[in-house]
Amino acid sequence: MPADFERAVHAARRAFDRGGWPATPADERAAAVLRFLDALEARRELLEDTVVAETGALVGSARTLHVSGAIAQARDAVRLHAAMPAEEPNPVPLDALVTGGRVAASVLTWEPLGVVAAIPAYNVPLFLALWKVVPALLAGNTVVLRPSPLAPLAVLAVGDAAHEAGLPPGVVNALAEAGSAGAELLTTMPQVDAVSFTGSAAVGAAITAQAAPTHKRVMLELGGKSAAIYLPGAADRAAAGISIVMRAMAGQGCALQTRVLVPEDEKKRVLDEAADAVSALRLGDPRDPSTEVGPLISAAQVARCAEPRRGGARARRTRR
C-alpha cells in the first residue's frame, strides 16, 4: 500500500538525518555490508529456488548469475569502494591555480547524498537490486528498495539479510507492491534524494518527469537492446548468435538483441539456419537441467513476443 511506502521513506529519512549511518567510518560501513552479504550467502539455496520459481530462470543460471553472481559483484563493489581515495586533487591548469598573486587549490571529496530509491527490473532481480543497494550503502546513503511486482520474493530477502546483519533501523527498507503507486511515491516524494531504476524507456521517461520538480538525481538503465550486425564474411555466425539470445533468460535481457542485420545476399541462408538452431532448443521446466529455454515472465510478455513485427511484416515461425 502507498502508506507503507510513505513510512519506509520517512524511516530512511530519519536514519539518514538523525541516525549514525552517514557518519559511520567507511571501513565500518564496508564491514556491515559484508555481514549483510554473508547473510544473503547463507540463504543461497533458498534464493536460487525462489528465482527459478518466480522468474522462470534456468536452474543453472539461477545458481551462477542470479545469486552467486549477484553476491560476487556486490563483494567486488566493496573492494572497489575501499580502493577509492577519500579525496582527490581537482586537476586544473597551473594558471588557474596561481592567480592574482596567490596560490589557490581545491580538492574533491565525497559525501552521501541522502535517501536512495532503488527500483530493479524483473529479469535478474537480485543482481540488479544489489547493484543499486550496495554502492548506495557504502557511500553512506539509506535505501528504499522496491522490486518489480513480477519478481519480488528474492529481492525482499535483502531486507531480511540487512536486519540480520545488524544494519541500523531505516538504513535498508525493502517492500513490494502489486501495482505502481508505491513506486510513484518514491519518484515524487521530496524526502527521496535519488532514484535508480532499471526497466523500460517509457517508465524511465515517466520517472524523469516525476522526479524533476524535486530535483532528484536520476540514474536510469533503460531498454539497452540493440541490433546484432554481421558483416560480410561473418554471417555464418548469426544463427548461433540468435540461438544464444533465445537461451539466455528466454531473451529477456538488456544486452540481448531483438534484431539481426546481415548482408542481403545471406538473408535466406541465415533465416533457414536460425530456424533450425532455434527449433532444436529444448523448451521446458526451468528446474530440469536439460531445459535450454524456460518460460517468459508473464502472459503479457508472451503476447508481446507473438505480435506481428512493426512495419507490417509478420515474425517468421520456427520449424518444429
C-alpha atoms as a PDB file:
ATOM      1  CA  MET A   1       0.000   0.000   0.000  1.00  0.00           C
ATOM      2  CA  PRO A   2       1.188   3.584  -0.627  1.00  0.00           C
ATOM      3  CA  ALA A   3       1.080   4.282   3.113  1.00  0.00           C
ATOM      4  CA  ASP A   4       3.706   1.573   3.648  1.00  0.00           C
ATOM      5  CA  PHE A   5       5.991   3.277   1.163  1.00  0.00           C
ATOM      6  CA  GLU A   6       5.497   6.609   2.901  1.00  0.00           C
ATOM      7  CA  ARG A   7       6.511   5.029   6.209  1.00  0.00           C
ATOM      8  CA  ALA A   8       9.547   3.436   4.574  1.00  0.00           C
ATOM      9  CA  VAL A   9      10.672   6.752   3.100  1.00  0.00           C
ATOM     10  CA  HIS A  10      10.263   8.519   6.445  1.00  0.00           C
ATOM     11  CA  ALA A  11      12.213   5.748   8.174  1.00  0.00           C
ATOM     12  CA  ALA A  12      15.029   6.110   5.640  1.00  0.00           C
ATOM     13  CA  ARG A  13      14.945   9.887   6.034  1.00  0.00           C
ATOM     14  CA  ARG A  14      15.229   9.662   9.824  1.00  0.00           C
ATOM     15  CA  ALA A  15      18.037   7.121   9.558  1.00  0.00           C
ATOM     16  CA  PHE A  16      19.956   9.460   7.283  1.00  0.00           C
ATOM     17  CA  ASP A  17      19.255  12.762   9.039  1.00  0.00           C
ATOM     18  CA  ARG A  18      19.376  11.621  12.649  1.00  0.00           C
ATOM     19  CA  GLY A  19      20.935   8.161  12.530  1.00  0.00           C
ATOM     20  CA  GLY A  20      24.608   7.380  12.582  1.00  0.00           C
ATOM     21  CA  TRP A  21      24.977   5.613   9.227  1.00  0.00           C
ATOM     22  CA  PRO A  22      26.205   8.566   7.096  1.00  0.00           C
ATOM     23  CA  ALA A  23      28.805   9.491   9.729  1.00  0.00           C
ATOM     24  CA  THR A  24      29.970   5.912  10.246  1.00  0.00           C
ATOM     25  CA  PRO A  25      33.575   5.478   9.045  1.00  0.00           C
ATOM     26  CA  ALA A  26      33.775   3.967   5.581  1.00  0.00           C
ATOM     27  CA  ASP A  27      35.572   0.835   6.757  1.00  0.00           C
ATOM     28  CA  GLU A  28      32.854   0.167   9.338  1.00  0.00           C
ATOM     29  CA  ARG A  29      30.138   0.612   6.717  1.00  0.00           C
ATOM     30  CA  ALA A  30      32.009  -1.813   4.468  1.00  0.00           C
ATOM     31  CA  ALA A  31      32.237  -4.366   7.286  1.00  0.00           C
ATOM     32  CA  ALA A  32      28.493  -4.072   7.875  1.00  0.00           C
ATOM     33  CA  VAL A  33      27.770  -4.525   4.159  1.00  0.00           C
ATOM     34  CA  LEU A  34      29.953  -7.647   4.097  1.00  0.00           C
ATOM     35  CA  ARG A  35      27.979  -9.063   7.047  1.00  0.00           C
ATOM     36  CA  PHE A  36      24.825  -8.321   5.100  1.00  0.00           C
ATOM     37  CA  LEU A  37      26.206 -10.177   2.053  1.00  0.00           C
ATOM     38  CA  ASP A  38      27.194 -13.097   4.284  1.00  0.00           C
ATOM     39  CA  ALA A  39      23.583 -13.261   5.477  1.00  0.00           C
ATOM     40  CA  LEU A  40      22.432 -13.405   1.861  1.00  0.00           C
ATOM     41  CA  GLU A  41      25.027 -16.078   1.090  1.00  0.00           C
ATOM     42  CA  ALA A  42      23.581 -18.205   3.883  1.00  0.00           C
ATOM     43  CA  ARG A  43      20.241 -18.069   2.035  1.00  0.00           C
ATOM     44  CA  ARG A  44      21.794 -19.035  -1.299  1.00  0.00           C
ATOM     45  CA  GLU A  45      19.913 -22.283  -1.943  1.00  0.00           C
ATOM     46  CA  LEU A  46      16.581 -20.743  -0.962  1.00  0.00           C
ATOM     47  CA  LEU A  47      17.292 -17.739  -3.184  1.00  0.00           C
ATOM     48  CA  GLU A  48      18.158 -19.992  -6.126  1.00  0.00           C
ATOM     49  CA  ASP A  49      14.894 -21.901  -5.762  1.00  0.00           C
ATOM     50  CA  THR A  50      12.974 -18.649  -5.398  1.00  0.00           C
ATOM     51  CA  VAL A  51      14.496 -17.083  -8.508  1.00  0.00           C
ATOM     52  CA  VAL A  52      13.634 -20.163 -10.586  1.00  0.00           C
ATOM     53  CA  ALA A  53      10.067 -20.236  -9.275  1.00  0.00           C
ATOM     54  CA  GLU A  54       9.265 -16.564  -9.757  1.00  0.00           C
ATOM     55  CA  THR A  55      11.240 -15.620 -12.889  1.00  0.00           C
ATOM     56  CA  GLY A  56      11.434 -18.918 -14.781  1.00  0.00           C
ATOM     57  CA  ALA A  57      15.233 -18.692 -14.840  1.00  0.00           C
ATOM     58  CA  LEU A  58      17.037 -21.901 -15.710  1.00  0.00           C
ATOM     59  CA  VAL A  59      18.397 -23.626 -12.639  1.00  0.00           C
ATOM     60  CA  GLY A  60      21.995 -23.257 -13.813  1.00  0.00           C
ATOM     61  CA  SER A  61      21.539 -19.564 -14.500  1.00  0.00           C
ATOM     62  CA  ALA A  62      19.875 -19.065 -11.124  1.00  0.00           C
ATOM     63  CA  ARG A  63      22.928 -20.518  -9.435  1.00  0.00           C
ATOM     64  CA  THR A  64      25.698 -18.829 -11.406  1.00  0.00           C
ATOM     65  CA  LEU A  65      24.240 -15.457 -12.398  1.00  0.00           C
ATOM     66  CA  HIS A  66      21.169 -14.632 -10.355  1.00  0.00           C
ATOM     67  CA  VAL A  67      22.513 -15.494  -6.903  1.00  0.00           C
ATOM     68  CA  SER A  68      26.219 -16.350  -6.764  1.00  0.00           C
ATOM     69  CA  GLY A  69      26.984 -13.810  -9.483  1.00  0.00           C
ATOM     70  CA  ALA A  70      24.910 -11.155  -7.741  1.00  0.00           C
ATOM     71  CA  ILE A  71      26.673 -11.629  -4.422  1.00  0.00           C
ATOM     72  CA  ALA A  72      30.097 -11.790  -6.092  1.00  0.00           C
ATOM     73  CA  GLN A  73      29.601  -8.484  -7.899  1.00  0.00           C
ATOM     74  CA  ALA A  74      28.416  -6.924  -4.643  1.00  0.00           C
ATOM     75  CA  ARG A  75      31.604  -8.061  -2.896  1.00  0.00           C
ATOM     76  CA  ASP A  76      33.575  -6.576  -5.782  1.00  0.00           C
ATOM     77  CA  ALA A  77      31.809  -3.267  -5.158  1.00  0.00           C
ATOM     78  CA  VAL A  78      33.005  -3.338  -1.538  1.00  0.00           C
ATOM     79  CA  ARG A  79      36.588  -3.895  -2.687  1.00  0.00           C
ATOM     80  CA  LEU A  80      36.307  -1.170  -5.312  1.00  0.00           C
ATOM     81  CA  HIS A  81      34.934   1.328  -2.817  1.00  0.00           C
ATOM     82  CA  ALA A  82      37.740   0.532  -0.377  1.00  0.00           C
ATOM     83  CA  ALA A  83      40.289   1.321  -3.100  1.00  0.00           C
ATOM     84  CA  MET A  84      38.821   4.752  -3.853  1.00  0.00           C
ATOM     85  CA  PRO A  85      40.583   7.773  -2.319  1.00  0.00           C
ATOM     86  CA  ALA A  86      38.720   9.767   0.329  1.00  0.00           C
ATOM     87  CA  GLU A  87      39.609  12.933  -1.589  1.00  0.00           C
ATOM     88  CA  GLU A  88      41.223  13.809  -4.891  1.00  0.00           C
ATOM     89  CA  PRO A  89      43.019  16.960  -6.050  1.00  0.00           C
ATOM     90  CA  ASN A  90      40.998  18.962  -8.526  1.00  0.00           C
ATOM     91  CA  PRO A  91      43.020  18.884 -11.777  1.00  0.00           C
ATOM     92  CA  VAL A  92      43.012  22.475 -13.044  1.00  0.00           C
ATOM     93  CA  PRO A  93      45.615  24.263 -15.203  1.00  0.00           C
ATOM     94  CA  LEU A  94      48.535  25.900 -13.426  1.00  0.00           C
ATOM     95  CA  ASP A  95      47.495  29.400 -14.491  1.00  0.00           C
ATOM     96  CA  ALA A  96      44.161  28.815 -12.752  1.00  0.00           C
ATOM     97  CA  LEU A  97      45.944  27.762  -9.566  1.00  0.00           C
ATOM     98  CA  VAL A  98      48.225  30.819  -9.460  1.00  0.00           C
ATOM     99  CA  THR A  99      46.143  33.958  -9.932  1.00  0.00           C
ATOM    100  CA  GLY A 100      46.215  37.448  -8.519  1.00  0.00           C
ATOM    101  CA  GLY A 101      49.468  36.914  -6.697  1.00  0.00           C
ATOM    102  CA  ARG A 102      48.134  33.989  -4.657  1.00  0.00           C
ATOM    103  CA  VAL A 103      48.017  30.219  -4.940  1.00  0.00           C
ATOM    104  CA  ALA A 104      44.563  28.628  -4.854  1.00  0.00           C
ATOM    105  CA  ALA A 105      43.877  24.923  -4.861  1.00  0.00           C
ATOM    106  CA  SER A 106      40.861  22.707  -4.329  1.00  0.00           C
ATOM    107  CA  VAL A 107      40.136  19.051  -3.715  1.00  0.00           C
ATOM    108  CA  LEU A 108      37.217  16.799  -4.493  1.00  0.00           C
ATOM    109  CA  THR A 109      35.662  14.995  -1.550  1.00  0.00           C
ATOM    110  CA  TRP A 110      32.786  12.556  -1.446  1.00  0.00           C
ATOM    111  CA  GLU A 111      29.757  12.607   0.816  1.00  0.00           C
ATOM    112  CA  PRO A 112      26.484  10.656   0.952  1.00  0.00           C
ATOM    113  CA  LEU A 113      23.549  12.054  -0.960  1.00  0.00           C
ATOM    114  CA  GLY A 114      20.591  11.011   1.215  1.00  0.00           C
ATOM    115  CA  VAL A 115      17.690   8.651   0.625  1.00  0.00           C
ATOM    116  CA  VAL A 116      18.001   6.494  -2.498  1.00  0.00           C
ATOM    117  CA  ALA A 117      15.025   4.764  -4.111  1.00  0.00           C
ATOM    118  CA  ALA A 118      16.177   1.546  -5.809  1.00  0.00           C
ATOM    119  CA  ILE A 119      13.797   0.027  -8.382  1.00  0.00           C
ATOM    120  CA  PRO A 120      15.221  -3.051 -10.182  1.00  0.00           C
ATOM    121  CA  ALA A 121      13.715  -4.941 -13.123  1.00  0.00           C
ATOM    122  CA  TYR A 122      12.346  -8.492 -13.099  1.00  0.00           C
ATOM    123  CA  ASN A 123      14.822 -10.303 -15.334  1.00  0.00           C
ATOM    124  CA  VAL A 124      17.760 -10.547 -12.891  1.00  0.00           C
ATOM    125  CA  PRO A 125      16.061  -9.083  -9.814  1.00  0.00           C
ATOM    126  CA  LEU A 126      18.546  -9.856  -7.036  1.00  0.00           C
ATOM    127  CA  PHE A 127      21.551  -8.949  -9.183  1.00  0.00           C
ATOM    128  CA  LEU A 128      20.048  -5.564 -10.070  1.00  0.00           C
ATOM    129  CA  ALA A 129      18.890  -4.934  -6.509  1.00  0.00           C
ATOM    130  CA  LEU A 130      22.375  -5.459  -5.079  1.00  0.00           C
ATOM    131  CA  TRP A 131      23.867  -3.469  -7.942  1.00  0.00           C
ATOM    132  CA  LYS A 132      21.868  -0.490  -6.683  1.00  0.00           C
ATOM    133  CA  VAL A 133      21.751  -1.045  -2.935  1.00  0.00           C
ATOM    134  CA  VAL A 134      25.366  -1.933  -2.108  1.00  0.00           C
ATOM    135  CA  PRO A 135      27.096   1.133  -3.630  1.00  0.00           C
ATOM    136  CA  ALA A 136      24.469   3.383  -2.041  1.00  0.00           C
ATOM    137  CA  LEU A 137      25.097   1.864   1.398  1.00  0.00           C
ATOM    138  CA  LEU A 138      28.874   2.014   1.033  1.00  0.00           C
ATOM    139  CA  ALA A 139      28.627   5.737   0.304  1.00  0.00           C
ATOM    140  CA  GLY A 140      26.565   6.306   3.469  1.00  0.00           C
ATOM    141  CA  ASN A 141      23.108   6.612   1.932  1.00  0.00           C
ATOM    142  CA  THR A 142      19.917   4.985   3.144  1.00  0.00           C
ATOM    143  CA  VAL A 143      17.761   2.974   0.749  1.00  0.00           C
ATOM    144  CA  VAL A 144      14.154   2.167  -0.038  1.00  0.00           C
ATOM    145  CA  LEU A 145      14.113  -0.909  -2.287  1.00  0.00           C
ATOM    146  CA  ARG A 146      11.041  -1.652  -4.377  1.00  0.00           C
ATOM    147  CA  PRO A 147      11.279  -4.826  -6.524  1.00  0.00           C
ATOM    148  CA  SER A 148       9.344  -5.471  -9.699  1.00  0.00           C
ATOM    149  CA  PRO A 149       5.833  -6.785  -8.945  1.00  0.00           C
ATOM    150  CA  LEU A 150       6.665  -9.674 -11.285  1.00  0.00           C
ATOM    151  CA  ALA A 151       9.654 -10.856  -9.214  1.00  0.00           C
ATOM    152  CA  PRO A 152       9.577  -9.541  -5.637  1.00  0.00           C
ATOM    153  CA  LEU A 153      10.429 -12.504  -3.415  1.00  0.00           C
ATOM    154  CA  ALA A 154      14.183 -12.874  -3.855  1.00  0.00           C
ATOM    155  CA  VAL A 155      14.615  -9.105  -3.555  1.00  0.00           C
ATOM    156  CA  LEU A 156      12.678  -8.968  -0.287  1.00  0.00           C
ATOM    157  CA  ALA A 157      15.375 -11.211   1.190  1.00  0.00           C
ATOM    158  CA  VAL A 158      17.636  -8.135   1.033  1.00  0.00           C
ATOM    159  CA  GLY A 159      15.647  -6.575   3.856  1.00  0.00           C
ATOM    160  CA  ASP A 160      15.809  -9.707   5.990  1.00  0.00           C
ATOM    161  CA  ALA A 161      19.563 -10.019   5.464  1.00  0.00           C
ATOM    162  CA  ALA A 162      20.139  -6.356   6.334  1.00  0.00           C
ATOM    163  CA  HIS A 163      18.224  -6.797   9.592  1.00  0.00           C
ATOM    164  CA  GLU A 164      20.124  -9.970  10.429  1.00  0.00           C
ATOM    165  CA  ALA A 165      23.453  -8.240   9.742  1.00  0.00           C
ATOM    166  CA  GLY A 166      22.624  -5.530  12.252  1.00  0.00           C
ATOM    167  CA  LEU A 167      22.321  -2.575   9.904  1.00  0.00           C
ATOM    168  CA  PRO A 168      20.676   0.304  11.800  1.00  0.00           C
ATOM    169  CA  PRO A 169      16.883   0.626  11.555  1.00  0.00           C
ATOM    170  CA  GLY A 170      15.760   2.536   8.496  1.00  0.00           C
ATOM    171  CA  VAL A 171      19.004   2.111   6.561  1.00  0.00           C
ATOM    172  CA  VAL A 172      17.559  -0.589   4.285  1.00  0.00           C
ATOM    173  CA  ASN A 173      13.824  -0.773   3.653  1.00  0.00           C
ATOM    174  CA  ALA A 174      12.517  -3.407   1.223  1.00  0.00           C
ATOM    175  CA  LEU A 175       8.842  -3.659   0.356  1.00  0.00           C
ATOM    176  CA  ALA A 176       6.800  -4.935  -2.558  1.00  0.00           C
ATOM    177  CA  GLU A 177       3.542  -3.979  -4.222  1.00  0.00           C
ATOM    178  CA  ALA A 178       1.239  -5.352  -6.890  1.00  0.00           C
ATOM    179  CA  GLY A 179       0.880  -2.065  -8.775  1.00  0.00           C
ATOM    180  CA  SER A 180       2.898   1.106  -9.243  1.00  0.00           C
ATOM    181  CA  ALA A 181       1.523   3.565  -6.661  1.00  0.00           C
ATOM    182  CA  GLY A 182       4.386   2.971  -4.250  1.00  0.00           C
ATOM    183  CA  ALA A 183       7.000   3.420  -6.974  1.00  0.00           C
ATOM    184  CA  GLU A 184       5.354   6.685  -7.993  1.00  0.00           C
ATOM    185  CA  LEU A 185       5.618   7.904  -4.420  1.00  0.00           C
ATOM    186  CA  LEU A 186       9.318   7.087  -4.386  1.00  0.00           C
ATOM    187  CA  THR A 187       9.849   9.180  -7.517  1.00  0.00           C
ATOM    188  CA  THR A 188       7.829  12.170  -6.291  1.00  0.00           C
ATOM    189  CA  MET A 189       8.266  12.475  -2.508  1.00  0.00           C
ATOM    190  CA  PRO A 190      10.642  15.332  -1.623  1.00  0.00           C
ATOM    191  CA  GLN A 191      12.230  13.194   1.120  1.00  0.00           C
ATOM    192  CA  VAL A 192      13.811  10.991  -1.573  1.00  0.00           C
ATOM    193  CA  ASP A 193      17.053  12.389  -2.987  1.00  0.00           C
ATOM    194  CA  ALA A 194      17.835   9.954  -5.802  1.00  0.00           C
ATOM    195  CA  VAL A 195      16.144   7.277  -7.897  1.00  0.00           C
ATOM    196  CA  SER A 196      17.961   4.353  -9.519  1.00  0.00           C
ATOM    197  CA  PHE A 197      15.744   2.468 -11.984  1.00  0.00           C
ATOM    198  CA  THR A 198      16.247  -0.380 -14.437  1.00  0.00           C
ATOM    199  CA  GLY A 199      13.455  -1.071 -16.888  1.00  0.00           C
ATOM    200  CA  SER A 200      11.686   0.222 -19.973  1.00  0.00           C
ATOM    201  CA  ALA A 201      12.330   3.529 -21.707  1.00  0.00           C
ATOM    202  CA  ALA A 202       8.676   4.538 -21.264  1.00  0.00           C
ATOM    203  CA  VAL A 203       8.783   4.096 -17.484  1.00  0.00           C
ATOM    204  CA  GLY A 204      12.178   5.787 -17.353  1.00  0.00           C
ATOM    205  CA  ALA A 205      10.734   8.837 -19.101  1.00  0.00           C
ATOM    206  CA  ALA A 206       7.879   8.936 -16.584  1.00  0.00           C
ATOM    207  CA  ILE A 207      10.319   8.706 -13.666  1.00  0.00           C
ATOM    208  CA  THR A 208      12.365  11.585 -15.072  1.00  0.00           C
ATOM    209  CA  ALA A 209       9.257  13.758 -15.252  1.00  0.00           C
ATOM    210  CA  GLN A 210       8.079  12.744 -11.771  1.00  0.00           C
ATOM    211  CA  ALA A 211      11.485  13.414 -10.209  1.00  0.00           C
ATOM    212  CA  ALA A 212      12.087  16.758 -11.877  1.00  0.00           C
ATOM    213  CA  PRO A 213      10.006  19.027  -9.590  1.00  0.00           C
ATOM    214  CA  THR A 214      12.053  17.985  -6.534  1.00  0.00           C
ATOM    215  CA  HIS A 215      15.397  17.947  -8.416  1.00  0.00           C
ATOM    216  CA  LYS A 216      16.195  14.336  -7.621  1.00  0.00           C
ATOM    217  CA  ARG A 217      19.265  12.655  -9.005  1.00  0.00           C
ATOM    218  CA  VAL A 218      18.026  10.080 -11.516  1.00  0.00           C
ATOM    219  CA  MET A 219      20.042   7.072 -12.686  1.00  0.00           C
ATOM    220  CA  LEU A 220      18.361   5.104 -15.464  1.00  0.00           C
ATOM    221  CA  GLU A 221      19.268   1.874 -17.220  1.00  0.00           C
ATOM    222  CA  LEU A 222      16.719   1.618 -19.992  1.00  0.00           C
ATOM    223  CA  GLY A 223      15.960  -0.827 -22.786  1.00  0.00           C
ATOM    224  CA  GLY A 224      19.530  -1.474 -23.849  1.00  0.00           C
ATOM    225  CA  LYS A 225      18.601  -3.960 -26.571  1.00  0.00           C
ATOM    226  CA  SER A 226      20.101  -3.264 -29.965  1.00  0.00           C
ATOM    227  CA  ALA A 227      20.991  -4.833 -33.270  1.00  0.00           C
ATOM    228  CA  ALA A 228      23.440  -7.655 -33.862  1.00  0.00           C
ATOM    229  CA  ILE A 229      25.311  -6.687 -37.038  1.00  0.00           C
ATOM    230  CA  TYR A 230      27.065  -9.428 -39.010  1.00  0.00           C
ATOM    231  CA  LEU A 231      29.351  -8.007 -41.687  1.00  0.00           C
ATOM    232  CA  PRO A 232      30.224  -9.879 -44.895  1.00  0.00           C
ATOM    233  CA  GLY A 233      32.232 -12.956 -44.008  1.00  0.00           C
ATOM    234  CA  ALA A 234      30.671 -13.306 -40.555  1.00  0.00           C
ATOM    235  CA  ALA A 235      27.075 -14.182 -41.409  1.00  0.00           C
ATOM    236  CA  ASP A 236      27.750 -17.864 -40.754  1.00  0.00           C
ATOM    237  CA  ARG A 237      27.881 -16.959 -37.034  1.00  0.00           C
ATOM    238  CA  ALA A 238      24.433 -15.343 -36.987  1.00  0.00           C
ATOM    239  CA  ALA A 239      22.358 -18.494 -36.351  1.00  0.00           C
ATOM    240  CA  ALA A 240      24.422 -19.414 -33.304  1.00  0.00           C
ATOM    241  CA  GLY A 241      24.117 -15.856 -32.006  1.00  0.00           C
ATOM    242  CA  ILE A 242      20.345 -15.935 -32.367  1.00  0.00           C
ATOM    243  CA  SER A 243      20.215 -19.265 -30.552  1.00  0.00           C
ATOM    244  CA  ILE A 244      22.243 -17.817 -27.660  1.00  0.00           C
ATOM    245  CA  VAL A 245      19.795 -14.927 -27.351  1.00  0.00           C
ATOM    246  CA  MET A 246      16.899 -17.362 -27.100  1.00  0.00           C
ATOM    247  CA  ARG A 247      18.634 -19.450 -24.416  1.00  0.00           C
ATOM    248  CA  ALA A 248      19.716 -16.523 -22.240  1.00  0.00           C
ATOM    249  CA  MET A 249      16.806 -15.668 -19.934  1.00  0.00           C
ATOM    250  CA  ALA A 250      14.416 -16.570 -22.769  1.00  0.00           C
ATOM    251  CA  GLY A 251      15.565 -13.392 -24.499  1.00  0.00           C
ATOM    252  CA  GLN A 252      14.622 -11.157 -21.559  1.00  0.00           C
ATOM    253  CA  GLY A 253      17.963  -9.442 -21.033  1.00  0.00           C
ATOM    254  CA  CYS A 254      19.055  -5.869 -21.616  1.00  0.00           C
ATOM    255  CA  ALA A 255      22.042  -6.944 -23.731  1.00  0.00           C
ATOM    256  CA  LEU A 256      20.117  -9.469 -25.835  1.00  0.00           C
ATOM    257  CA  GLN A 257      19.444  -8.371 -29.387  1.00  0.00           C
ATOM    258  CA  THR A 258      15.923  -8.092 -30.774  1.00  0.00           C
ATOM    259  CA  ARG A 259      17.003  -7.760 -34.423  1.00  0.00           C
ATOM    260  CA  VAL A 260      19.808  -9.068 -36.595  1.00  0.00           C
ATOM    261  CA  LEU A 261      21.317  -7.326 -39.605  1.00  0.00           C
ATOM    262  CA  VAL A 262      23.084  -9.453 -42.242  1.00  0.00           C
ATOM    263  CA  PRO A 263      24.100  -8.860 -45.853  1.00  0.00           C
ATOM    264  CA  GLU A 264      21.065  -9.099 -48.135  1.00  0.00           C
ATOM    265  CA  ASP A 265      22.501 -11.978 -50.154  1.00  0.00           C
ATOM    266  CA  GLU A 266      22.967 -14.007 -46.931  1.00  0.00           C
ATOM    267  CA  LYS A 267      19.473 -13.372 -45.562  1.00  0.00           C
ATOM    268  CA  LYS A 268      17.725 -16.557 -46.727  1.00  0.00           C
ATOM    269  CA  ARG A 269      20.553 -18.813 -45.566  1.00  0.00           C
ATOM    270  CA  VAL A 270      20.695 -17.095 -42.153  1.00  0.00           C
ATOM    271  CA  LEU A 271      16.916 -17.405 -41.719  1.00  0.00           C
ATOM    272  CA  ASP A 272      16.999 -21.111 -42.546  1.00  0.00           C
ATOM    273  CA  GLU A 273      19.948 -21.796 -40.248  1.00  0.00           C
ATOM    274  CA  ALA A 274      18.425 -19.731 -37.430  1.00  0.00           C
ATOM    275  CA  ALA A 275      15.119 -21.603 -37.766  1.00  0.00           C
ATOM    276  CA  ASP A 276      16.951 -24.914 -37.466  1.00  0.00           C
ATOM    277  CA  ALA A 277      19.022 -23.752 -34.490  1.00  0.00           C
ATOM    278  CA  VAL A 278      16.094 -22.300 -32.581  1.00  0.00           C
ATOM    279  CA  SER A 279      13.727 -25.181 -33.274  1.00  0.00           C
ATOM    280  CA  ALA A 280      16.315 -27.573 -31.840  1.00  0.00           C
ATOM    281  CA  LEU A 281      16.330 -25.806 -28.468  1.00  0.00           C
ATOM    282  CA  ARG A 282      14.767 -27.749 -25.613  1.00  0.00           C
ATOM    283  CA  LEU A 283      11.853 -25.875 -24.003  1.00  0.00           C
ATOM    284  CA  GLY A 284      10.537 -26.973 -20.655  1.00  0.00           C
ATOM    285  CA  ASP A 285      10.599 -26.794 -16.884  1.00  0.00           C
ATOM    286  CA  PRO A 286      13.414 -24.422 -15.790  1.00  0.00           C
ATOM    287  CA  ARG A 287      14.163 -26.781 -12.886  1.00  0.00           C
ATOM    288  CA  ASP A 288      15.174 -29.506 -15.358  1.00  0.00           C
ATOM    289  CA  PRO A 289      18.921 -29.168 -16.089  1.00  0.00           C
ATOM    290  CA  SER A 290      18.331 -30.294 -19.685  1.00  0.00           C
ATOM    291  CA  THR A 291      15.986 -27.371 -20.422  1.00  0.00           C
ATOM    292  CA  GLU A 292      17.530 -24.690 -22.621  1.00  0.00           C
ATOM    293  CA  VAL A 293      14.640 -22.186 -22.775  1.00  0.00           C
ATOM    294  CA  GLY A 294      12.360 -21.551 -19.813  1.00  0.00           C
ATOM    295  CA  PRO A 295       9.106 -19.595 -19.643  1.00  0.00           C
ATOM    296  CA  LEU A 296       8.636 -15.879 -20.158  1.00  0.00           C
ATOM    297  CA  ILE A 297       7.869 -13.792 -17.094  1.00  0.00           C
ATOM    298  CA  SER A 298       4.162 -13.202 -17.797  1.00  0.00           C
ATOM    299  CA  ALA A 299       1.293 -13.751 -20.186  1.00  0.00           C
ATOM    300  CA  ALA A 300       1.710 -10.153 -21.344  1.00  0.00           C
ATOM    301  CA  GLN A 301       5.284 -10.894 -22.415  1.00  0.00           C
ATOM    302  CA  VAL A 302       4.123 -13.988 -24.286  1.00  0.00           C
ATOM    303  CA  ALA A 303       1.530 -11.906 -26.150  1.00  0.00           C
ATOM    304  CA  ARG A 304       4.094  -9.234 -26.928  1.00  0.00           C
ATOM    305  CA  CYS A 305       6.532 -11.749 -28.396  1.00  0.00           C
ATOM    306  CA  ALA A 306       3.761 -13.268 -30.526  1.00  0.00           C
ATOM    307  CA  GLU A 307       2.701  -9.921 -32.026  1.00  0.00           C
ATOM    308  CA  PRO A 308       3.485  -9.095 -35.657  1.00  0.00           C
ATOM    309  CA  ARG A 309       6.656  -7.081 -36.066  1.00  0.00           C
ATOM    310  CA  ARG A 310       6.458  -3.341 -36.753  1.00  0.00           C
ATOM    311  CA  GLY A 311       6.309  -2.427 -40.403  1.00  0.00           C
ATOM    312  CA  GLY A 312       3.648  -4.909 -41.428  1.00  0.00           C
ATOM    313  CA  ALA A 313       5.852  -7.992 -41.721  1.00  0.00           C
ATOM    314  CA  ARG A 314       4.998 -10.959 -39.556  1.00  0.00           C
ATOM    315  CA  ALA A 315       7.607 -12.721 -37.497  1.00  0.00           C
ATOM    316  CA  ARG A 316       8.886 -15.911 -39.083  1.00  0.00           C
ATOM    317  CA  ARG A 317       7.712 -19.065 -37.358  1.00  0.00           C
ATOM    318  CA  THR A 318      10.440 -21.514 -36.490  1.00  0.00           C
ATOM    319  CA  ARG A 319      10.118 -25.035 -37.826  1.00  0.00           C
ATOM    320  CA  ARG A 320       9.375 -27.838 -35.353  1.00  0.00           C
END
